[in-house]
Amino acid sequence: MKKMKVMISYPPLRGKGSPMLTQNRQFQWYHVPSFIYPLVPAMAATLLDKEGFEVIWNDCITEGWKQDKFWSFFEQQKPDIIALETKTPVVSQHWQIINHIKRIHPECITVLVGDHVTALPGESMEKSSVDYVITGGNYDISLLEIAKYIRRDRDKLPKGVWYREDENIKSTGEFDLSYNLNDLPFINRPLTKAHLYGEKWKKRLPFFYTMVGRDCQWGKCAFCAWTTIYPKFRVRAPENLLDEIGMLIKEYGVKEIFDDTGTFPVGDWLRKFCQGMVERDFNKEILFSANMRYGALKPDIIKLMKKAGFRKLKMGLESANQKTLDLINKAVTVQQIIDESKLISSEGIDIQLTIIVGYPWETREDAQRTVDLAQKLMSEGHAEMLQATVLVPYPGTPLHKMGLESDWFRFDPHEYDRYDMAEPVFKTPDMTADEVMQMCESIYQAFLTPRYIWRHVRSIRGWESLNYIARGSKAVIGHLLDFRRRQ
């Protein structure tokens, strides 16, 4: 019997650079791209493959395919099902792609997943010919269940799915996140071309991603779109992640890992994980990094994390203004950010700061305060890297609702392609759109201060560190270009 073909695809997109779409909480067009491994779609591919489907992994963004190549490949493969992960700034392009698919190959079942369609599932059903919209963050499991339903291995659709019945749009109700993540297999890395992915800051190869939790223990930040698809935090056991790391070391010789859980688990979970890294000698084999939040770590666990092989933590500074931190529900103080940055860096763990500009209540003086703090932490060695973004209020977030209620939008909130970080979405008290973009650009000037440059020149200890600094310099130039406002 012929296997049913399921294509998980990131088709080419029209835009202002390389789209940061895969496994990404914030969308942006990049001059110098990073390709983050889409872990949930990769798990979907793994599950489908295990259940006897023919899986086609098709990431045109990472592989640099043009439109003609994608459509030629699609015509050649003629998949039975195609699933696309979408995001607000490119959802209209995905609607167009789906409509074209239904014209040239009407038998192909089309599926949309992601935070935008979770917030507004009916919209995509009305504005495109899509067959199914999966809401919630378990779209790997739900996609498998839809494929089984189409193959007639299941008599009903999973929860959280929007679909068509005759001329009517229907839903199976609220999505369900009760699945035990410990029951998932380890991702099939060759099937999903994991070797193609990685960020500019990685030091060692082979480099791989893991994702032990979905998605953040705090899960209350007003701007975070992933709170839409993961309203509650779930995590695999520390032993489960340790087993996966052991497999990656044994089978692929991995030298560096980044766990892309929204916030890496803390408390007793983190202690057990660190102890396991030491007991299994993994701390001698790999560098390990993860996302983390201020206010979550105590001094004794930071020491243990360093011993366990932690190299870098991505931390959300977001703003140096307490009013802003309170309004976006970060539940930290500016002083905590400063003190914990010093504490973590003093233990030899690097910090990558994430910073946001363009808050609708922040003045130029407020924004400059954030720039100044970021540059101070960088120049004094309390942060090793930073990432600046313009505030984007994605549909489904509290921030988007606040924007609608307070008339903060600079343009029609339904102009989704303008949520692409090439311009501010919200009005600001005393800055023009160009000035907001210039402020974001100025944050990257922290990489150009003599004190920062000299500290990194002194850190060169061979080819690995020299190559790391060279790649970082190229990325900084790219980011400076990213925020030169383009009309």
Protein backbone atom coordinates (compact mmCIF):
# COMPACT_ATOMS: atom_id res chain seq x y z
CA MET A 1 0.00 0.00 0.00
CA LYS A 2 1.33 3.44 -0.97
CA LYS A 3 2.38 5.59 1.97
CA MET A 4 0.57 8.88 2.52
CA LYS A 5 2.95 11.82 1.96
CA VAL A 6 3.08 14.60 4.53
CA MET A 7 5.19 17.69 3.76
CA ILE A 8 6.23 20.01 6.58
CA SER A 9 7.26 23.13 4.73
CA TYR A 10 8.61 26.64 5.09
CA PRO A 11 8.05 28.00 1.56
CA PRO A 12 10.07 30.97 0.24
CA LEU A 13 8.70 34.34 1.34
CA ARG A 14 8.90 37.80 -0.18
CA GLY A 15 10.46 40.35 2.13
CA LYS A 16 13.33 42.53 3.25
CA GLY A 17 15.90 39.86 4.04
CA SER A 18 15.86 36.40 5.58
CA PRO A 19 12.69 35.78 7.62
CA MET A 20 13.19 34.70 11.24
CA LEU A 21 10.20 32.37 11.25
CA THR A 22 11.23 28.92 12.48
CA GLN A 23 10.93 28.35 16.26
CA ASN A 24 10.78 32.09 16.72
CA ARG A 25 8.86 34.08 19.29
CA GLN A 26 9.69 37.40 17.57
CA PHE A 27 9.62 37.78 13.78
CA GLN A 28 12.18 39.89 11.97
CA TRP A 29 13.82 40.16 8.55
CA TYR A 30 17.59 39.65 8.93
CA HIS A 31 20.47 40.81 6.73
CA VAL A 32 22.72 38.15 8.29
CA PRO A 33 20.39 35.22 8.98
CA SER A 34 20.25 32.79 11.86
CA PHE A 35 18.38 29.55 11.31
CA ILE A 36 16.79 28.37 14.54
CA TYR A 37 15.76 24.72 14.53
CA PRO A 38 11.94 24.39 14.52
CA LEU A 39 11.71 21.82 17.28
CA VAL A 40 7.95 21.28 17.41
CA PRO A 41 7.61 20.78 13.63
CA ALA A 42 10.68 18.51 13.80
CA MET A 43 8.89 16.46 16.45
CA ALA A 44 5.83 16.34 14.16
CA ALA A 45 8.01 14.93 11.39
CA THR A 46 9.45 12.36 13.79
CA LEU A 47 6.03 11.22 15.00
CA LEU A 48 4.65 10.98 11.47
CA ASP A 49 7.65 8.97 10.30
CA LYS A 50 7.26 6.55 13.21
CA GLU A 51 3.60 6.05 12.32
CA GLY A 52 4.38 5.01 8.75
CA PHE A 53 3.84 8.26 6.83
CA GLU A 54 6.29 9.39 4.16
CA VAL A 55 7.64 12.64 5.59
CA ILE A 56 9.06 15.41 3.40
CA TRP A 57 11.04 18.02 5.35
CA ASN A 58 11.10 21.17 3.23
CA ASP A 59 12.65 24.28 4.78
CA CYS A 60 13.17 26.60 1.81
CA ILE A 61 14.21 29.48 4.07
CA THR A 62 17.17 27.65 5.58
CA GLU A 63 18.19 26.05 2.29
CA GLY A 64 17.82 29.27 0.30
CA TRP A 65 15.26 28.05 -2.22
CA LYS A 66 13.53 30.46 -4.60
CA GLN A 67 9.85 30.35 -5.50
CA ASP A 68 10.36 28.44 -8.77
CA LYS A 69 12.32 25.67 -7.08
CA PHE A 70 9.70 25.27 -4.35
CA TRP A 71 6.79 25.02 -6.78
CA SER A 72 8.69 22.62 -9.03
CA PHE A 73 9.46 20.45 -5.99
CA PHE A 74 5.85 20.60 -4.83
CA GLU A 75 4.60 19.53 -8.29
CA GLN A 76 7.09 16.67 -8.29
CA GLN A 77 6.19 15.43 -4.78
CA LYS A 78 2.43 16.07 -4.84
CA PRO A 79 2.05 15.60 -1.06
CA ASP A 80 -1.23 14.42 0.37
CA ILE A 81 -0.89 16.87 3.28
CA ILE A 82 1.19 20.05 3.63
CA ALA A 83 1.61 21.83 6.98
CA LEU A 84 2.89 25.40 7.33
CA GLU A 85 3.95 27.16 10.52
CA THR A 86 2.94 30.81 10.23
CA LYS A 87 3.39 34.12 12.07
CA THR A 88 1.50 37.41 11.94
CA PRO A 89 3.79 39.34 9.50
CA VAL A 90 3.69 36.55 6.89
CA VAL A 91 0.27 34.98 7.42
CA SER A 92 -1.18 36.75 4.37
CA GLN A 93 1.62 35.28 2.23
CA HIS A 94 0.79 31.84 3.58
CA TRP A 95 -2.88 32.39 2.70
CA GLN A 96 -1.81 33.11 -0.88
CA ILE A 97 0.43 30.03 -0.99
CA ILE A 98 -2.40 27.83 0.30
CA ASN A 99 -4.85 29.25 -2.24
CA HIS A 100 -2.37 28.50 -5.04
CA ILE A 101 -1.85 24.96 -3.75
CA LYS A 102 -5.59 24.35 -3.81
CA ARG A 103 -5.76 25.61 -7.42
CA ILE A 104 -2.94 23.45 -8.77
CA HIS A 105 -3.41 20.39 -6.55
CA PRO A 106 -6.90 20.54 -4.98
CA GLU A 107 -6.56 17.07 -3.44
CA CYS A 108 -3.72 18.26 -1.19
CA ILE A 109 -4.87 18.82 2.40
CA THR A 110 -3.48 22.09 3.79
CA VAL A 111 -2.80 22.80 7.47
CA LEU A 112 -1.79 26.00 9.29
CA VAL A 113 -0.22 26.10 12.78
CA GLY A 114 1.31 28.73 15.07
CA ASP A 115 0.50 31.50 17.51
CA HIS A 116 -1.31 33.80 15.05
CA VAL A 117 -3.80 31.15 13.92
CA THR A 118 -4.26 30.06 17.53
CA ALA A 119 -5.34 33.60 18.40
CA LEU A 120 -7.49 34.03 15.26
CA PRO A 121 -8.32 30.59 13.82
CA GLY A 122 -11.54 31.59 12.06
CA GLU A 123 -9.76 34.40 10.21
CA SER A 124 -7.50 32.01 8.27
CA MET A 125 -10.45 29.75 7.47
CA GLU A 126 -12.30 32.73 5.99
CA LYS A 127 -9.38 34.40 4.20
CA SER A 128 -7.88 31.29 2.62
CA SER A 129 -8.79 27.83 1.37
CA VAL A 130 -6.95 26.12 4.22
CA ASP A 131 -8.48 22.78 5.24
CA TYR A 132 -7.36 22.64 8.88
CA VAL A 133 -6.12 25.15 11.45
CA ILE A 134 -4.44 23.66 14.52
CA THR A 135 -4.61 25.83 17.64
CA GLY A 136 -2.32 25.46 20.64
CA GLY A 137 1.30 24.42 20.96
CA ASN A 138 0.89 20.65 20.61
CA TYR A 139 0.61 20.94 16.85
CA ASP A 140 3.11 18.11 16.42
CA ILE A 141 0.72 15.68 18.13
CA SER A 142 -2.38 17.24 16.55
CA LEU A 143 -0.89 17.06 13.04
CA LEU A 144 -0.24 13.36 13.54
CA GLU A 145 -3.84 12.86 14.68
CA ILE A 146 -5.19 14.75 11.66
CA ALA A 147 -3.03 12.63 9.33
CA LYS A 148 -4.35 9.47 11.00
CA TYR A 149 -7.91 10.76 10.68
CA ILE A 150 -7.40 11.35 6.95
CA ARG A 151 -5.83 7.89 6.64
CA ARG A 152 -8.91 6.58 8.49
CA ASP A 153 -6.91 5.33 11.48
CA ARG A 154 -8.94 7.65 13.74
CA ASP A 155 -12.67 8.28 13.79
CA LYS A 156 -12.48 11.86 15.05
CA LEU A 157 -10.25 14.92 15.00
CA PRO A 158 -8.25 16.06 18.05
CA LYS A 159 -9.31 18.99 20.19
CA GLY A 160 -8.38 22.50 19.11
CA VAL A 161 -8.81 21.97 15.36
CA TRP A 162 -10.80 24.17 12.98
CA TYR A 163 -12.01 22.49 9.79
CA ARG A 164 -14.56 22.58 6.99
CA GLU A 165 -17.66 20.44 6.71
CA ASP A 166 -19.52 21.07 3.46
CA GLU A 167 -19.78 24.86 3.35
CA ASN A 168 -19.49 25.33 7.11
CA ILE A 169 -16.48 26.19 9.29
CA LYS A 170 -16.40 24.10 12.45
CA SER A 171 -14.21 23.58 15.50
CA THR A 172 -13.47 20.68 17.85
CA GLY A 173 -13.31 23.07 20.80
CA GLU A 174 -10.48 24.29 23.00
CA PHE A 175 -7.04 22.75 22.46
CA ASP A 176 -5.70 20.23 24.95
CA LEU A 177 -2.16 20.35 26.37
CA SER A 178 -2.42 17.35 28.67
CA TYR A 179 -0.05 15.15 26.65
CA ASN A 180 2.88 13.82 28.72
CA LEU A 181 6.02 15.17 27.02
CA ASN A 182 8.10 12.32 28.50
CA ASP A 183 6.24 9.97 26.14
CA LEU A 184 7.59 11.71 23.05
CA PRO A 185 10.49 10.07 21.18
CA PHE A 186 13.76 11.89 20.60
CA ILE A 187 13.67 13.97 17.42
CA ASN A 188 14.88 12.30 14.23
CA ARG A 189 17.74 14.70 13.43
CA PRO A 190 18.75 13.35 9.98
CA LEU A 191 15.13 13.37 8.75
CA THR A 192 14.75 17.03 9.73
CA LYS A 193 18.23 18.15 8.56
CA ALA A 194 19.24 19.40 12.01
CA HIS A 195 22.79 20.05 10.83
CA LEU A 196 21.57 23.06 8.80
CA TYR A 197 20.47 25.06 11.84
CA GLY A 198 22.33 27.26 14.30
CA GLU A 199 22.79 30.79 15.53
CA LYS A 200 25.63 33.19 14.87
CA TRP A 201 26.93 33.02 18.44
CA LYS A 202 27.57 29.25 18.52
CA LYS A 203 31.18 28.34 19.30
CA ARG A 204 31.53 24.65 18.56
CA LEU A 205 30.29 22.14 16.00
CA PRO A 206 28.34 19.92 15.88
CA PHE A 207 25.73 22.25 17.42
CA PHE A 208 22.17 21.06 18.17
CA TYR A 209 19.00 22.36 19.80
CA THR A 210 16.81 20.71 22.42
CA MET A 211 13.48 21.81 23.93
CA VAL A 212 12.73 20.24 27.28
CA GLY A 213 9.71 22.36 28.16
CA ARG A 214 6.71 24.04 26.54
CA ASP A 215 7.23 26.89 27.05
CA CYS A 216 7.90 29.20 30.03
CA GLN A 217 7.55 28.71 33.78
CA TRP A 218 6.58 32.36 34.22
CA GLY A 219 4.38 32.59 31.11
CA LYS A 220 2.87 35.99 31.93
CA CYS A 221 4.84 38.56 29.89
CA ALA A 222 2.31 40.80 28.15
CA PHE A 223 4.19 40.86 24.83
CA CYS A 224 4.94 37.14 24.43
CA ALA A 225 2.98 35.48 21.60
CA TRP A 226 3.89 32.01 22.84
CA THR A 227 1.73 32.45 25.92
CA THR A 228 -1.13 32.14 23.40
CA ILE A 229 -0.17 28.61 22.41
CA TYR A 230 1.28 27.55 25.79
CA PRO A 231 -0.96 28.96 28.54
CA LYS A 232 0.54 26.46 30.99
CA PHE A 233 4.08 25.17 31.39
CA ARG A 234 4.94 21.51 30.94
CA VAL A 235 8.36 19.93 31.11
CA ARG A 236 10.04 16.59 30.55
CA ALA A 237 11.94 14.98 33.44
CA PRO A 238 15.58 16.07 33.85
CA GLU A 239 16.65 12.45 33.25
CA ASN A 240 14.83 12.53 29.92
CA LEU A 241 16.81 15.53 28.71
CA LEU A 242 20.04 14.00 30.03
CA ASP A 243 19.30 10.84 28.05
CA GLU A 244 18.74 12.94 24.91
CA ILE A 245 22.04 14.77 25.45
CA GLY A 246 23.79 11.42 25.88
CA MET A 247 22.28 10.23 22.60
CA LEU A 248 23.40 13.40 20.80
CA ILE A 249 26.94 12.97 22.13
CA LYS A 250 27.11 9.28 21.22
CA GLU A 251 25.44 9.37 17.80
CA TYR A 252 26.43 12.81 16.50
CA GLY A 253 29.44 13.87 18.55
CA VAL A 254 27.65 17.06 19.63
CA LYS A 255 29.91 19.72 21.18
CA GLU A 256 27.40 22.47 21.92
CA ILE A 257 23.66 22.49 22.77
CA PHE A 258 21.12 25.26 23.17
CA ASP A 259 17.83 24.42 24.86
CA ASP A 260 15.14 26.64 23.34
CA THR A 261 12.47 26.25 26.02
CA GLY A 262 11.03 29.72 26.69
CA THR A 263 12.55 29.64 30.16
CA PHE A 264 14.72 26.70 31.17
CA PRO A 265 13.23 24.93 34.23
CA VAL A 266 14.54 26.06 37.62
CA GLY A 267 14.22 24.93 41.24
CA ASP A 268 14.76 21.26 42.10
CA TRP A 269 14.45 20.33 38.42
CA LEU A 270 17.48 22.46 37.52
CA ARG A 271 19.51 21.12 40.44
CA LYS A 272 18.86 17.51 39.39
CA PHE A 273 19.75 18.34 35.80
CA CYS A 274 23.05 19.99 36.77
CA GLN A 275 23.97 17.11 39.06
CA GLY A 276 23.21 14.69 36.23
CA MET A 277 25.43 16.63 33.82
CA VAL A 278 28.33 16.28 36.25
CA GLU A 279 27.64 12.65 37.21
CA ARG A 280 27.49 11.58 33.55
CA ASP A 281 30.56 13.70 32.65
CA PHE A 282 28.56 15.55 30.00
CA ASN A 283 29.99 18.79 31.37
CA LYS A 284 33.35 17.63 29.97
CA GLU A 285 31.86 16.91 26.54
CA ILE A 286 29.66 19.89 25.67
CA LEU A 287 28.88 23.55 26.19
CA PHE A 288 25.26 24.10 27.24
CA SER A 289 23.12 27.26 26.95
CA ALA A 290 19.47 28.12 27.52
CA ASN A 291 16.86 30.85 27.87
CA MET A 292 16.45 32.14 31.42
CA ARG A 293 14.67 34.96 33.25
CA TYR A 294 15.85 37.36 35.92
CA GLY A 295 14.59 36.57 39.40
CA ALA A 296 14.72 32.79 38.91
CA LEU A 297 18.25 31.85 40.04
CA LYS A 298 19.97 31.73 43.44
CA PRO A 299 23.76 32.09 43.91
CA ASP A 300 24.35 28.42 44.82
CA ILE A 301 22.57 27.10 41.71
CA ILE A 302 24.53 29.48 39.46
CA LYS A 303 27.77 27.95 40.75
CA LEU A 304 26.38 24.48 40.08
CA MET A 305 25.29 25.51 36.56
CA LYS A 306 28.82 26.64 35.75
CA LYS A 307 30.18 23.32 37.00
CA ALA A 308 27.58 21.51 34.89
CA GLY A 309 28.86 23.12 31.68
CA PHE A 310 26.54 26.09 31.20
CA ARG A 311 28.11 28.59 28.84
CA LYS A 312 25.42 31.20 28.06
CA LEU A 313 22.01 32.36 29.31
CA LYS A 314 19.65 34.47 27.22
CA MET A 315 18.05 36.91 29.67
CA GLY A 316 15.22 39.39 29.12
CA LEU A 317 16.28 42.86 30.26
CA GLU A 318 13.50 44.37 28.08
CA SER A 319 13.65 47.84 29.70
CA ALA A 320 15.59 49.78 32.32
CA ASN A 321 12.38 51.48 33.47
CA GLN A 322 10.49 49.95 36.38
CA LYS A 323 7.16 51.26 35.12
CA THR A 324 7.65 49.32 31.91
CA LEU A 325 8.73 46.12 33.64
CA ASP A 326 5.58 46.32 35.75
CA LEU A 327 3.28 47.05 32.80
CA ILE A 328 4.60 44.10 30.76
CA ASN A 329 4.38 41.88 33.86
CA LYS A 330 8.05 40.84 34.11
CA ALA A 331 7.88 40.64 37.92
CA VAL A 332 11.49 41.80 38.35
CA THR A 333 13.14 45.05 39.34
CA VAL A 334 15.81 47.00 37.48
CA GLN A 335 18.13 46.50 40.44
CA GLN A 336 17.60 42.73 40.28
CA ILE A 337 18.62 42.80 36.62
CA ILE A 338 21.83 44.65 37.46
CA ASP A 339 22.70 42.54 40.51
CA GLU A 340 21.96 39.20 38.87
CA SER A 341 23.88 40.14 35.73
CA LYS A 342 26.93 40.79 37.90
CA LEU A 343 26.39 37.57 39.85
CA ILE A 344 25.97 35.33 36.80
CA SER A 345 28.87 36.87 34.89
CA SER A 346 31.13 36.64 37.96
CA GLU A 347 30.66 32.85 37.88
CA GLY A 348 31.89 32.77 34.27
CA ILE A 349 28.53 32.27 32.56
CA ASP A 350 27.90 34.60 29.61
CA ILE A 351 24.69 36.62 29.36
CA GLN A 352 22.90 37.56 26.16
CA LEU A 353 20.50 40.40 26.90
CA THR A 354 17.23 40.87 25.06
CA ILE A 355 16.02 44.46 24.88
CA ILE A 356 12.83 46.04 23.52
CA VAL A 357 12.21 49.60 22.33
CA GLY A 358 9.03 51.26 21.10
CA TYR A 359 6.83 50.97 24.19
CA PRO A 360 3.86 53.34 23.74
CA TRP A 361 4.32 54.90 27.18
CA GLU A 362 8.12 55.33 27.08
CA THR A 363 9.66 58.70 26.25
CA ARG A 364 12.96 59.22 24.49
CA GLU A 365 14.56 59.64 27.92
CA ASP A 366 13.12 56.30 29.07
CA ALA A 367 14.38 54.51 25.97
CA GLN A 368 17.81 56.07 26.35
CA ARG A 369 17.94 54.80 29.92
CA THR A 370 17.61 51.25 28.57
CA VAL A 371 20.30 51.86 25.95
CA ASP A 372 22.62 53.24 28.62
CA LEU A 373 22.10 50.28 30.97
CA ALA A 374 22.67 47.74 28.19
CA GLN A 375 25.86 49.46 27.10
CA LYS A 376 27.08 49.72 30.70
CA LEU A 377 26.52 46.00 31.37
CA MET A 378 28.26 45.14 28.11
CA SER A 379 31.27 47.41 28.61
CA GLU A 380 31.79 46.25 32.21
CA GLY A 381 31.69 42.58 31.20
CA HIS A 382 28.40 41.75 32.91
CA ALA A 383 26.81 40.88 29.56
CA GLU A 384 28.56 39.32 26.61
CA MET A 385 25.97 39.91 23.89
CA LEU A 386 22.64 41.59 23.30
CA GLN A 387 19.67 41.39 21.00
CA ALA A 388 17.47 44.42 20.35
CA THR A 389 13.92 44.30 19.01
CA VAL A 390 11.12 46.73 18.31
CA LEU A 391 7.97 46.06 20.32
CA VAL A 392 5.45 43.98 18.34
CA PRO A 393 1.99 43.39 19.85
CA TYR A 394 1.06 40.04 18.33
CA PRO A 395 -2.66 39.15 18.20
CA GLY A 396 -3.70 37.10 21.21
CA THR A 397 -1.33 38.84 23.63
CA PRO A 398 -2.43 41.16 26.44
CA LEU A 399 -0.32 43.86 24.78
CA HIS A 400 -2.34 43.64 21.56
CA LYS A 401 -5.58 43.99 23.52
CA MET A 402 -4.15 46.97 25.43
CA GLY A 403 -3.15 48.57 22.14
CA LEU A 404 -6.64 48.26 20.71
CA GLU A 405 -8.25 49.63 23.86
CA SER A 406 -5.80 52.54 24.18
CA ASP A 407 -5.54 53.55 20.51
CA TRP A 408 -1.78 52.95 20.42
CA PHE A 409 -1.52 51.59 16.87
CA ARG A 410 0.23 53.70 14.24
CA PHE A 411 -1.71 51.96 11.45
CA ASP A 412 -4.66 49.65 10.91
CA PRO A 413 -4.10 46.69 13.30
CA HIS A 414 -5.07 44.32 10.47
CA GLU A 415 -2.10 45.36 8.32
CA TYR A 416 -0.26 42.27 9.47
CA ASP A 417 2.70 42.56 7.11
CA ARG A 418 3.70 45.72 9.00
CA TYR A 419 4.25 43.73 12.22
CA ASP A 420 7.65 42.71 10.79
CA MET A 421 9.88 44.90 12.98
CA ALA A 422 10.87 47.13 10.06
CA GLU A 423 8.94 49.95 11.77
CA PRO A 424 7.25 50.56 15.14
CA VAL A 425 3.72 49.25 15.47
CA PHE A 426 2.76 51.56 18.34
CA LYS A 427 2.91 55.33 18.60
CA THR A 428 5.39 56.69 21.17
CA PRO A 429 5.08 59.90 23.23
CA ASP A 430 7.93 61.98 21.77
CA MET A 431 9.72 59.91 19.11
CA THR A 432 9.00 59.50 15.42
CA ALA A 433 9.06 56.07 13.82
CA ASP A 434 12.52 56.75 12.42
CA GLU A 435 13.79 57.81 15.83
CA VAL A 436 12.54 54.58 17.41
CA MET A 437 14.41 52.58 14.77
CA GLN A 438 17.53 54.67 15.33
CA MET A 439 17.24 54.02 19.06
CA CYS A 440 17.13 50.27 18.41
CA GLU A 441 20.11 50.56 16.10
CA SER A 442 22.05 52.53 18.73
CA ILE A 443 21.76 49.60 21.17
CA TYR A 444 24.11 47.64 18.93
CA GLN A 445 26.66 50.43 19.30
CA ALA A 446 27.51 48.71 22.59
CA PHE A 447 29.56 46.26 20.53
CA LEU A 448 31.67 49.15 19.22
CA THR A 449 32.85 50.71 22.48
CA PRO A 450 36.63 50.55 22.97
CA ARG A 451 36.27 48.90 26.37
CA TYR A 452 34.09 46.09 24.96
CA ILE A 453 36.35 45.56 21.94
CA TRP A 454 39.50 45.46 24.06
CA ARG A 455 37.98 42.95 26.49
CA HIS A 456 37.18 40.59 23.62
CA VAL A 457 40.52 41.03 21.90
CA ARG A 458 42.19 40.01 25.17
CA SER A 459 39.96 36.92 25.30
CA ILE A 460 41.32 35.44 22.06
CA ARG A 461 42.91 32.09 22.85
CA GLY A 462 43.11 30.46 19.45
CA TRP A 463 41.13 29.82 16.30
CA GLU A 464 37.84 29.00 18.06
CA SER A 465 37.60 32.35 19.87
CA LEU A 466 38.93 34.30 16.88
CA ASN A 467 36.34 32.72 14.59
CA TYR A 468 33.62 33.40 17.18
CA ILE A 469 34.52 37.11 17.35
CA ALA A 470 34.69 37.38 13.55
CA ARG A 471 31.23 35.86 13.14
CA GLY A 472 29.89 38.10 15.90
CA SER A 473 31.29 41.19 14.17
CA LYS A 474 29.56 40.23 10.93
CA ALA A 475 26.29 39.75 12.84
CA VAL A 476 26.57 43.18 14.49
CA ILE A 477 26.94 44.85 11.09
CA GLY A 478 23.89 42.92 9.94
CA HIS A 479 21.84 44.08 12.94
CA LEU A 480 22.84 47.69 12.36
CA LEU A 481 21.46 47.32 8.83
CA ASP A 482 18.32 45.55 10.12
CA PHE A 483 17.23 48.71 11.93
CA ARG A 484 18.02 51.21 9.17
CA ARG A 485 14.35 51.86 8.51
CA ARG A 486 13.26 50.63 5.10
CA GLN A 487 10.16 52.00 3.39
